[in-house]
Amino acid sequence: MIRRILATTAMATLLAAGGVAVSNAGAAEKADQLAFPGAVGWAAHTPGGRGGKIIKVTNLNNEGPGSFREAIETKGPRIIVFEVGGVIDLNQKTLKLDEPFVTIAGQTAPSPGITLIRGGMDVSAHDVVMQHIRIRVGDAGAPKKSGWEEDAFSTMKAAYNVIVDHCSLTWATDENLSASGPRFNGNTPEEWREHTSHRITYSNNIIAEGLARATHLKIEHSKGSLIHDNITDILIVGNLYAHNVERSPLFKGGVHGVIVNNLIYDPGQRAVHYNLQAEEWGDHPYQVGQMAAVGNVLRAGPSTPTPLAFLEIGGYGDLEYYGKDNIAVDRAGEPLPLMGRYTTSPAKVIEMDKPPLWPEGLTPLPAAEVQKSVLHNAGARPWDRDYDDVRLLADVAEGRGEIINSQDDIHGYPNEKPSTRPFNPADWNLDDMTPRTATALDAKSKARGT
């Protein structure tokens, strides 16, 4: 029943967004066109692979002809579509996307969609759009503290104009969803920001169940999102963070970003936090961070200690902060603090009367509507959810679940039955990879009997 309710709402939303056919002629020149209907943030107008060649993923192999790995490593603008559904075992070999102008359209896969296991994806390119992919890293059977430290997804180097939307990112042994790059590449703070990741949107994702005591050399490493030093123009909106010890998200020194309408459930020792670490900055001049947090909801769960604050500052750098309409409650619904600290340094939160930065066109939902919205919309393929997303969403709704140490604490890696279906370009608006009709999506749901 839960799956059917969520599927109906999600399908209606996606079809409404993509119901009008768009001509593909001259698409590469449409600089003012959104990546897809509803795209927001500084990366919202990236073309991704619009106007490029269509590359079909035709098998579930880790590499080789017809594989997803071959498709992302191909040069030139491209739209990656899927004629196969099921599980791709990366066998601890990270996917590395270095070639720009790509759209990864997981919504085109037949049911059960595409799930990557035993590995993650690093993106060093610009103009990348990824939707409706599941990445479930897991410990890969490696010994504890063995050094298997894998993000589900992270930007690297000077990646920019990157959107990750409606994906499910879980069981990482490092972070579930991060943005990274060099801290101090250049001679000025402006050059540092240009030469690390920037202009990023992480929207409508499930970011959950980072593995706590697994294979990371530091042992405890259940983390949501690490936004590395000096990253700018990042928007984190409409996501579900659940069962992560920390970093839901963490902004490091000098980060400039916006956190809007996220549901944070059952965090461990911290939820949102900011931390410029002096040991990592050395003699470089500290930069003031900028954060706007609007319309977010924090709900304590079985793994949440008391007390816990919505936002906590650590380290040594100051943070310019604008907070509005955020809700933080314990398991009984009683208010939690909105501000705290875990440092004895003079670092301070400088509260602002207006946001220090804000992307054009972003209108937040009221916080009172966020839980319903996120539970209906977040994650890969809401019309065709897999077992783990359904399980997780039901637990969040009912206040259940906990931080885990291994995918085996639940049931182990997914084992979906593979499926195939030819990709029909006529079913899709190729400018933004929204479906033209219900045909593109109904067949997937019917195949799973939902």
Protein backbone atom coordinates (compact mmCIF):
# COMPACT_ATOMS: atom_id res chain seq x y z
CA MET A 1 0.00 0.00 0.00
CA ILE A 2 2.81 2.43 0.89
CA ARG A 3 4.52 1.71 -2.41
CA ARG A 4 1.29 2.27 -4.38
CA ILE A 5 0.52 5.60 -2.70
CA LEU A 6 4.02 6.91 -3.27
CA ALA A 7 4.12 5.63 -6.84
CA THR A 8 0.86 7.34 -7.82
CA THR A 9 1.96 10.74 -6.50
CA ALA A 10 5.47 10.54 -7.94
CA MET A 11 4.32 9.45 -11.38
CA ALA A 12 1.77 12.24 -11.56
CA THR A 13 4.43 14.77 -10.61
CA LEU A 14 6.93 13.54 -13.19
CA LEU A 15 4.37 13.39 -15.98
CA ALA A 16 3.08 16.86 -15.20
CA ALA A 17 6.61 18.19 -15.46
CA GLY A 18 7.26 16.47 -18.78
CA GLY A 19 3.85 16.47 -20.44
CA VAL A 20 4.67 19.01 -23.16
CA ALA A 21 6.89 17.83 -25.99
CA VAL A 22 10.00 19.93 -26.61
CA SER A 23 11.81 20.11 -29.93
CA ASN A 24 15.40 18.86 -29.85
CA ALA A 25 16.51 21.19 -32.63
CA GLY A 26 19.19 23.60 -31.50
CA ALA A 27 19.00 22.35 -27.92
CA ALA A 28 22.67 22.97 -27.25
CA GLU A 29 22.11 26.70 -27.76
CA LYS A 30 19.30 27.03 -25.18
CA ALA A 31 21.40 28.52 -22.43
CA ASP A 32 18.35 29.76 -20.51
CA GLN A 33 16.57 26.38 -20.49
CA LEU A 34 16.40 24.45 -17.24
CA ALA A 35 18.15 21.10 -17.10
CA PHE A 36 14.71 19.60 -16.42
CA PRO A 37 11.42 21.03 -15.14
CA GLY A 38 11.83 22.02 -11.50
CA ALA A 39 15.62 22.19 -11.57
CA VAL A 40 16.90 24.75 -9.06
CA GLY A 41 20.18 26.20 -7.83
CA TRP A 42 23.21 27.66 -9.51
CA ALA A 43 23.52 24.56 -11.73
CA ALA A 44 19.85 24.64 -12.80
CA HIS A 45 20.56 25.71 -16.39
CA THR A 46 23.24 23.16 -17.19
CA PRO A 47 22.52 21.47 -20.52
CA GLY A 48 24.01 18.20 -19.31
CA GLY A 49 24.20 16.03 -22.41
CA ARG A 50 21.39 17.84 -24.25
CA GLY A 51 21.78 17.62 -28.00
CA GLY A 52 24.43 14.91 -27.75
CA LYS A 53 24.38 11.33 -28.92
CA ILE A 54 22.22 8.74 -27.19
CA ILE A 55 24.26 5.98 -25.62
CA LYS A 56 22.38 2.83 -24.65
CA VAL A 57 23.46 0.72 -21.68
CA THR A 58 22.57 -2.80 -22.78
CA ASN A 59 23.99 -5.01 -20.04
CA LEU A 60 24.76 -5.09 -16.31
CA ASN A 61 28.47 -5.77 -16.73
CA ASN A 62 30.99 -3.83 -14.65
CA GLU A 63 32.87 -2.77 -17.78
CA GLY A 64 33.21 -3.42 -21.49
CA PRO A 65 30.96 -2.82 -24.51
CA GLY A 66 27.40 -1.86 -23.61
CA SER A 67 28.26 -1.22 -19.95
CA PHE A 68 27.44 1.83 -17.87
CA ARG A 69 31.16 2.37 -17.22
CA GLU A 70 31.89 2.52 -20.95
CA ALA A 71 29.03 5.01 -21.40
CA ILE A 72 30.26 7.47 -18.77
CA GLU A 73 33.84 7.25 -20.09
CA THR A 74 32.77 8.11 -23.66
CA LYS A 75 33.87 11.52 -24.94
CA GLY A 76 31.52 14.21 -26.17
CA PRO A 77 28.00 15.35 -25.21
CA ARG A 78 25.83 12.31 -24.53
CA ILE A 79 22.57 11.14 -23.00
CA ILE A 80 22.95 7.79 -21.26
CA VAL A 81 19.80 5.65 -21.33
CA PHE A 82 19.18 2.11 -20.16
CA GLU A 83 17.76 -0.88 -22.00
CA VAL A 84 18.40 -3.06 -18.96
CA GLY A 85 17.37 -2.97 -15.31
CA GLY A 86 18.96 -4.68 -12.33
CA VAL A 87 22.13 -4.61 -10.23
CA ILE A 88 25.58 -3.59 -11.45
CA ASP A 89 28.36 -4.93 -9.22
CA LEU A 90 31.29 -2.49 -9.43
CA ASN A 91 33.54 -4.96 -7.62
CA GLN A 92 35.26 -2.17 -5.64
CA LYS A 93 36.27 -0.29 -8.80
CA THR A 94 35.06 3.32 -8.55
CA LEU A 95 33.24 4.78 -11.55
CA LYS A 96 35.15 7.88 -12.66
CA LEU A 97 33.32 10.42 -14.79
CA ASP A 98 35.87 12.82 -16.29
CA GLU A 99 34.21 13.69 -19.62
CA PRO A 100 31.77 16.67 -19.50
CA PHE A 101 28.29 17.25 -20.92
CA VAL A 102 26.44 14.12 -19.86
CA THR A 103 22.91 13.27 -18.77
CA ILE A 104 22.45 9.97 -16.92
CA ALA A 105 18.76 9.13 -17.23
CA GLY A 106 18.05 6.31 -14.79
CA GLN A 107 14.33 6.90 -15.31
CA THR A 108 14.61 5.22 -18.73
CA ALA A 109 15.57 1.82 -17.28
CA PRO A 110 12.94 -0.92 -17.15
CA SER A 111 11.85 -1.98 -13.67
CA PRO A 112 13.58 -2.51 -11.23
CA GLY A 113 15.83 0.34 -12.42
CA ILE A 114 19.58 0.56 -11.97
CA THR A 115 21.32 -0.16 -8.66
CA LEU A 116 25.10 0.05 -8.28
CA ILE A 117 26.71 -1.98 -5.48
CA ARG A 118 30.22 -2.46 -4.05
CA GLY A 119 31.42 0.90 -5.33
CA GLY A 120 30.57 4.53 -5.98
CA MET A 121 31.03 7.34 -8.48
CA ASP A 122 33.50 10.25 -8.59
CA VAL A 123 32.75 13.14 -10.96
CA SER A 124 35.54 15.47 -12.08
CA ALA A 125 33.69 16.85 -15.11
CA HIS A 126 31.39 19.81 -15.65
CA ASP A 127 27.79 19.92 -16.84
CA VAL A 128 26.56 16.62 -15.45
CA VAL A 129 22.96 15.65 -14.68
CA MET A 130 22.21 12.33 -12.95
CA GLN A 131 18.71 11.20 -12.03
CA HIS A 132 17.03 8.06 -10.69
CA ILE A 133 20.09 5.93 -9.94
CA ARG A 134 20.61 3.92 -6.73
CA ILE A 135 24.11 3.52 -5.33
CA ARG A 136 24.41 1.12 -2.39
CA VAL A 137 28.11 0.88 -1.61
CA GLY A 138 28.30 -1.51 1.35
CA ASP A 139 31.41 -3.00 2.93
CA ALA A 140 32.04 -5.40 0.03
CA GLY A 141 32.89 -8.13 2.53
CA ALA A 142 36.17 -6.40 3.38
CA PRO A 143 37.58 -6.63 6.94
CA LYS A 144 36.86 -3.83 9.38
CA LYS A 145 39.40 -0.97 9.26
CA SER A 146 40.81 -2.36 6.01
CA GLY A 147 40.84 1.00 4.20
CA TRP A 148 37.86 0.44 1.87
CA GLU A 149 36.73 4.09 2.00
CA GLU A 150 34.18 4.78 -0.70
CA ASP A 151 31.74 7.62 -1.26
CA ALA A 152 28.50 6.70 -2.96
CA PHE A 153 28.84 9.90 -5.01
CA SER A 154 31.27 12.81 -4.87
CA THR A 155 32.40 15.64 -7.09
CA MET A 156 36.17 16.01 -7.39
CA LYS A 157 38.72 18.54 -8.66
CA ALA A 158 36.98 21.61 -10.20
CA ALA A 159 33.70 19.93 -11.13
CA TYR A 160 30.92 22.44 -11.75
CA ASN A 161 27.36 22.64 -13.03
CA VAL A 162 26.55 19.25 -11.49
CA ILE A 163 23.05 18.10 -10.53
CA VAL A 164 22.25 14.88 -8.65
CA ASP A 165 18.48 14.60 -8.45
CA HIS A 166 16.16 11.83 -7.25
CA CYS A 167 18.88 9.32 -6.46
CA SER A 168 19.22 6.89 -3.54
CA LEU A 169 22.70 6.94 -1.98
CA THR A 170 23.27 4.61 0.95
CA TRP A 171 25.64 2.30 2.82
CA ALA A 172 28.79 4.28 1.98
CA THR A 173 31.97 3.57 3.91
CA ASP A 174 33.03 7.21 3.55
CA GLU A 175 30.31 9.78 2.71
CA ASN A 176 27.02 9.03 1.01
CA LEU A 177 26.94 12.26 -1.06
CA SER A 178 29.79 14.77 -1.04
CA ALA A 179 31.39 17.64 -2.90
CA SER A 180 35.17 17.77 -2.89
CA GLY A 181 38.28 19.18 -4.54
CA PRO A 182 41.58 20.89 -3.67
CA ARG A 183 41.37 23.45 -0.86
CA PHE A 184 44.01 25.94 -1.93
CA ASN A 185 44.66 25.62 -5.66
CA GLY A 186 45.60 29.20 -6.60
CA ASN A 187 46.95 32.34 -5.00
CA THR A 188 43.76 33.98 -3.76
CA PRO A 189 40.51 32.83 -2.15
CA GLU A 190 38.74 33.63 -5.42
CA GLU A 191 41.08 31.26 -7.24
CA TRP A 192 40.65 28.59 -4.55
CA ARG A 193 36.88 28.67 -5.14
CA GLU A 194 37.24 28.57 -8.91
CA HIS A 195 39.57 25.58 -8.78
CA THR A 196 37.48 23.37 -6.53
CA SER A 197 33.92 22.08 -6.99
CA HIS A 198 31.26 24.75 -7.37
CA ARG A 199 27.76 25.36 -8.77
CA ILE A 200 26.20 22.11 -7.51
CA THR A 201 22.62 21.03 -6.81
CA TYR A 202 21.81 17.97 -4.70
CA SER A 203 18.02 17.67 -4.81
CA ASN A 204 15.36 15.14 -3.79
CA ASN A 205 17.79 12.38 -2.85
CA ILE A 206 17.82 9.74 -0.13
CA ILE A 207 21.15 10.05 1.73
CA ALA A 208 21.06 7.39 4.40
CA GLU A 209 22.51 4.58 6.47
CA GLY A 210 26.18 5.42 6.14
CA LEU A 211 28.04 2.45 7.64
CA ALA A 212 29.32 3.27 11.13
CA ARG A 213 31.85 0.67 12.25
CA ALA A 214 32.91 -0.82 8.94
CA THR A 215 35.98 -0.63 6.69
CA HIS A 216 37.10 3.00 7.09
CA LEU A 217 40.53 3.38 8.69
CA LYS A 218 39.00 5.72 11.27
CA ILE A 219 36.46 2.96 12.09
CA GLU A 220 33.37 5.09 12.84
CA HIS A 221 32.36 6.72 9.58
CA SER A 222 28.62 6.93 9.13
CA LYS A 223 28.41 10.25 7.28
CA GLY A 224 25.80 12.01 5.17
CA SER A 225 27.37 14.81 3.10
CA LEU A 226 30.82 16.39 3.43
CA ILE A 227 31.06 19.70 1.59
CA HIS A 228 34.78 20.41 1.46
CA ASP A 229 36.62 23.66 2.14
CA ASN A 230 35.96 26.64 -0.16
CA ILE A 231 33.21 24.99 -2.20
CA THR A 232 30.70 27.62 -3.30
CA ASP A 233 27.23 27.93 -4.79
CA ILE A 234 25.99 24.56 -3.56
CA LEU A 235 22.29 23.95 -2.99
CA ILE A 236 21.10 21.01 -0.88
CA VAL A 237 17.31 20.85 -1.22
CA GLY A 238 14.47 18.41 -0.63
CA ASN A 239 16.64 15.49 0.51
CA LEU A 240 16.09 12.84 3.17
CA TYR A 241 19.05 12.37 5.52
CA ALA A 242 18.47 9.34 7.74
CA HIS A 243 20.54 7.26 10.15
CA ASN A 244 23.90 9.01 9.67
CA VAL A 245 26.10 9.68 12.71
CA GLU A 246 27.21 13.09 11.37
CA ARG A 247 27.30 15.42 8.36
CA SER A 248 23.68 15.96 7.41
CA PRO A 249 25.36 18.00 5.99
CA LEU A 250 28.79 19.32 7.15
CA PHE A 251 30.10 22.53 5.58
CA LYS A 252 33.85 22.86 6.02
CA GLY A 253 35.85 26.10 6.07
CA GLY A 254 34.80 28.85 3.69
CA VAL A 255 31.91 26.94 2.12
CA HIS A 256 29.11 29.08 0.69
CA GLY A 257 25.84 27.22 0.33
CA VAL A 258 22.11 26.90 0.94
CA ILE A 259 20.25 24.11 2.79
CA VAL A 260 16.49 24.10 2.16
CA ASN A 261 13.53 21.80 2.87
CA ASN A 262 15.51 18.74 3.90
CA LEU A 263 14.22 16.13 6.36
CA ILE A 264 16.94 14.98 8.77
CA TYR A 265 15.91 11.89 10.74
CA ASP A 266 17.73 9.99 13.47
CA PRO A 267 21.12 11.73 13.29
CA GLY A 268 23.86 10.51 15.61
CA GLN A 269 26.01 13.04 17.41
CA ARG A 270 25.45 15.88 14.89
CA ALA A 271 23.00 17.01 12.23
CA VAL A 272 23.99 20.19 10.32
CA HIS A 273 27.43 21.51 11.24
CA TYR A 274 30.19 23.91 10.16
CA ASN A 275 33.87 23.33 10.87
CA LEU A 276 37.03 25.06 9.64
CA GLN A 277 39.90 22.94 10.95
CA ALA A 278 43.01 24.98 11.73
CA GLU A 279 45.22 21.91 11.31
CA GLU A 280 44.16 21.67 7.67
CA TRP A 281 44.36 25.40 6.87
CA GLY A 282 47.86 26.01 8.23
CA ASP A 283 48.98 29.56 7.38
CA HIS A 284 46.21 30.19 4.85
CA PRO A 285 43.91 33.04 5.90
CA TYR A 286 40.67 31.76 7.33
CA GLN A 287 37.63 32.42 5.14
CA VAL A 288 34.19 33.16 6.53
CA GLY A 289 31.63 30.53 5.65
CA GLN A 290 28.16 31.40 4.41
CA MET A 291 25.08 29.27 5.08
CA ALA A 292 21.37 29.84 4.61
CA ALA A 293 19.16 27.15 6.17
CA VAL A 294 15.43 27.54 5.54
CA GLY A 295 12.45 25.27 6.07
CA ASN A 296 14.33 22.18 7.24
CA VAL A 297 13.06 19.56 9.69
CA LEU A 298 15.16 17.63 12.21
CA ARG A 299 13.54 14.69 13.99
CA ALA A 300 15.44 12.69 16.59
CA GLY A 301 15.28 8.91 16.37
CA PRO A 302 16.49 5.83 18.24
CA SER A 303 20.17 6.62 17.46
CA THR A 304 19.99 10.31 18.44
CA PRO A 305 21.61 11.39 21.71
CA THR A 306 20.25 14.17 23.87
CA PRO A 307 20.96 17.04 23.67
CA LEU A 308 21.43 17.74 19.99
CA ALA A 309 21.13 21.06 18.12
CA PHE A 310 19.97 21.61 14.54
CA LEU A 311 23.15 23.56 13.69
CA GLU A 312 26.44 23.21 15.56
CA ILE A 313 29.72 25.02 14.95
CA GLY A 314 33.13 23.49 15.55
CA GLY A 315 36.68 24.39 14.65
CA TYR A 316 38.07 27.89 14.28
CA GLY A 317 36.39 29.82 11.45
CA ASP A 318 33.37 32.11 11.60
CA LEU A 319 30.09 31.44 9.81
CA GLU A 320 27.64 33.97 8.41
CA TYR A 321 24.30 32.26 8.99
CA TYR A 322 20.70 32.92 8.05
CA GLY A 323 18.15 30.53 9.57
CA LYS A 324 14.41 30.69 9.10
CA ASP A 325 11.46 28.33 9.68
CA ASN A 326 13.55 25.34 10.76
CA ILE A 327 11.99 22.72 13.06
CA ALA A 328 13.97 20.50 15.45
CA VAL A 329 12.26 18.05 17.81
CA ASP A 330 13.14 15.09 19.99
CA ARG A 331 11.41 11.69 19.79
CA ALA A 332 8.47 12.98 21.82
CA GLY A 333 8.05 16.05 19.65
CA GLU A 334 9.55 18.46 22.18
CA PRO A 335 11.72 21.28 20.77
CA LEU A 336 15.47 20.84 20.44
CA PRO A 337 17.94 23.77 20.28
CA LEU A 338 18.46 25.35 16.88
CA MET A 339 22.05 26.38 17.67
CA GLY A 340 24.97 24.73 19.48
CA ARG A 341 28.75 24.40 19.40
CA TYR A 342 31.44 21.77 19.85
CA THR A 343 34.47 24.03 20.08
CA THR A 344 36.09 26.18 22.76
CA SER A 345 37.72 28.38 20.12
CA PRO A 346 36.40 31.92 19.48
CA ALA A 347 34.71 30.79 16.25
CA LYS A 348 31.29 32.37 16.06
CA VAL A 349 28.03 32.16 14.19
CA ILE A 350 27.22 35.60 12.77
CA GLU A 351 23.45 35.65 12.44
CA MET A 352 22.25 37.58 9.37
CA ASP A 353 18.99 39.44 8.72
CA LYS A 354 18.87 38.14 5.16
CA PRO A 355 20.51 35.22 3.36
CA PRO A 356 24.19 35.82 2.55
CA LEU A 357 23.50 34.02 -0.74
CA TRP A 358 20.43 32.60 -2.45
CA PRO A 359 19.88 30.99 -5.86
CA GLU A 360 17.51 32.71 -8.25
CA GLY A 361 14.03 31.24 -8.46
CA LEU A 362 14.12 29.11 -5.31
CA THR A 363 10.91 29.32 -3.24
CA PRO A 364 10.98 27.17 -0.07
CA LEU A 365 8.08 25.12 1.22
CA PRO A 366 6.94 25.86 4.76
CA ALA A 367 8.71 23.52 7.18
CA ALA A 368 5.35 22.07 8.26
CA GLU A 369 4.97 20.60 4.73
CA VAL A 370 8.48 19.22 4.39
CA GLN A 371 8.06 15.74 5.89
CA LYS A 372 5.13 14.89 3.61
CA SER A 373 6.90 16.29 0.55
CA VAL A 374 10.19 14.53 1.16
CA LEU A 375 8.64 11.14 1.97
CA HIS A 376 6.60 11.31 -1.24
CA ASN A 377 9.30 12.58 -3.58
CA ALA A 378 12.83 11.81 -2.40
CA GLY A 379 14.96 9.02 -3.79
CA ALA A 380 15.26 7.13 -7.06
CA ARG A 381 12.18 6.22 -9.05
CA PRO A 382 9.42 7.13 -6.57
CA TRP A 383 6.91 5.44 -8.90
CA ASP A 384 8.91 2.19 -8.69
CA ARG A 385 10.75 2.10 -5.38
CA ASP A 386 12.92 -0.85 -4.39
CA TYR A 387 12.59 -2.72 -1.10
CA ASP A 388 15.23 -0.71 0.73
CA ASP A 389 13.76 2.69 -0.08
CA VAL A 390 10.28 1.52 0.91
CA ARG A 391 11.67 0.08 4.15
CA LEU A 392 13.59 3.24 4.94
CA LEU A 393 10.70 5.61 4.24
CA ALA A 394 8.30 3.53 6.34
CA ASP A 395 10.78 3.58 9.23
CA VAL A 396 11.19 7.35 8.97
CA ALA A 397 7.44 7.85 8.95
CA GLU A 398 6.99 5.65 12.03
CA GLY A 399 10.09 6.74 13.97
CA ARG A 400 11.88 3.40 13.62
CA GLY A 401 15.28 2.23 12.36
CA GLU A 402 18.81 2.93 13.52
CA ILE A 403 22.39 3.57 12.43
CA ILE A 404 23.93 0.39 11.00
CA ASN A 405 27.44 -1.07 10.66
CA SER A 406 26.91 -3.21 7.57
CA GLN A 407 24.36 -3.89 4.87
CA ASP A 408 24.27 -7.37 6.39
CA ASP A 409 22.67 -5.86 9.50
CA ILE A 410 19.56 -5.60 7.33
CA HIS A 411 19.55 -8.26 4.61
CA GLY A 412 22.70 -7.86 2.53
CA TYR A 413 23.09 -6.50 -0.97
CA PRO A 414 20.02 -6.35 -3.23
CA ASN A 415 19.52 -9.17 -5.68
CA GLU A 416 17.06 -7.90 -8.26
CA LYS A 417 15.96 -9.97 -11.23
CA PRO A 418 17.42 -8.42 -14.41
CA SER A 419 15.06 -7.06 -17.04
CA THR A 420 15.36 -5.67 -20.56
CA ARG A 421 13.32 -3.32 -22.71
CA PRO A 422 14.29 -1.39 -25.87
CA PHE A 423 14.65 2.36 -25.45
CA ASN A 424 12.10 4.22 -27.56
CA PRO A 425 13.11 7.87 -28.14
CA ALA A 426 9.50 8.73 -28.98
CA ASP A 427 8.55 8.07 -25.34
CA TRP A 428 10.83 10.85 -24.04
CA ASN A 429 11.42 14.57 -24.35
CA LEU A 430 15.09 14.37 -25.27
CA ASP A 431 15.76 17.96 -24.16
CA ASP A 432 15.17 17.14 -20.49
CA MET A 433 14.48 13.38 -20.33
CA THR A 434 10.97 13.72 -18.99
CA PRO A 435 8.39 11.22 -20.28
CA ARG A 436 6.04 12.28 -23.06
CA THR A 437 3.29 9.90 -21.91
CA ALA A 438 2.57 7.44 -19.12
CA THR A 439 3.76 4.64 -21.41
CA ALA A 440 7.37 5.34 -20.52
CA LEU A 441 6.74 4.72 -16.81
CA ASP A 442 3.67 2.51 -16.56
CA ALA A 443 5.42 -0.48 -18.09
CA LYS A 444 8.02 -0.35 -15.34
CA SER A 445 5.50 -0.37 -12.52
CA LYS A 446 3.38 -3.07 -14.14
CA ALA A 447 6.44 -5.25 -14.52
CA ARG A 448 6.83 -5.28 -10.72
CA GLY A 449 3.14 -5.70 -10.02
CA THR A 450 2.84 -2.43 -8.07
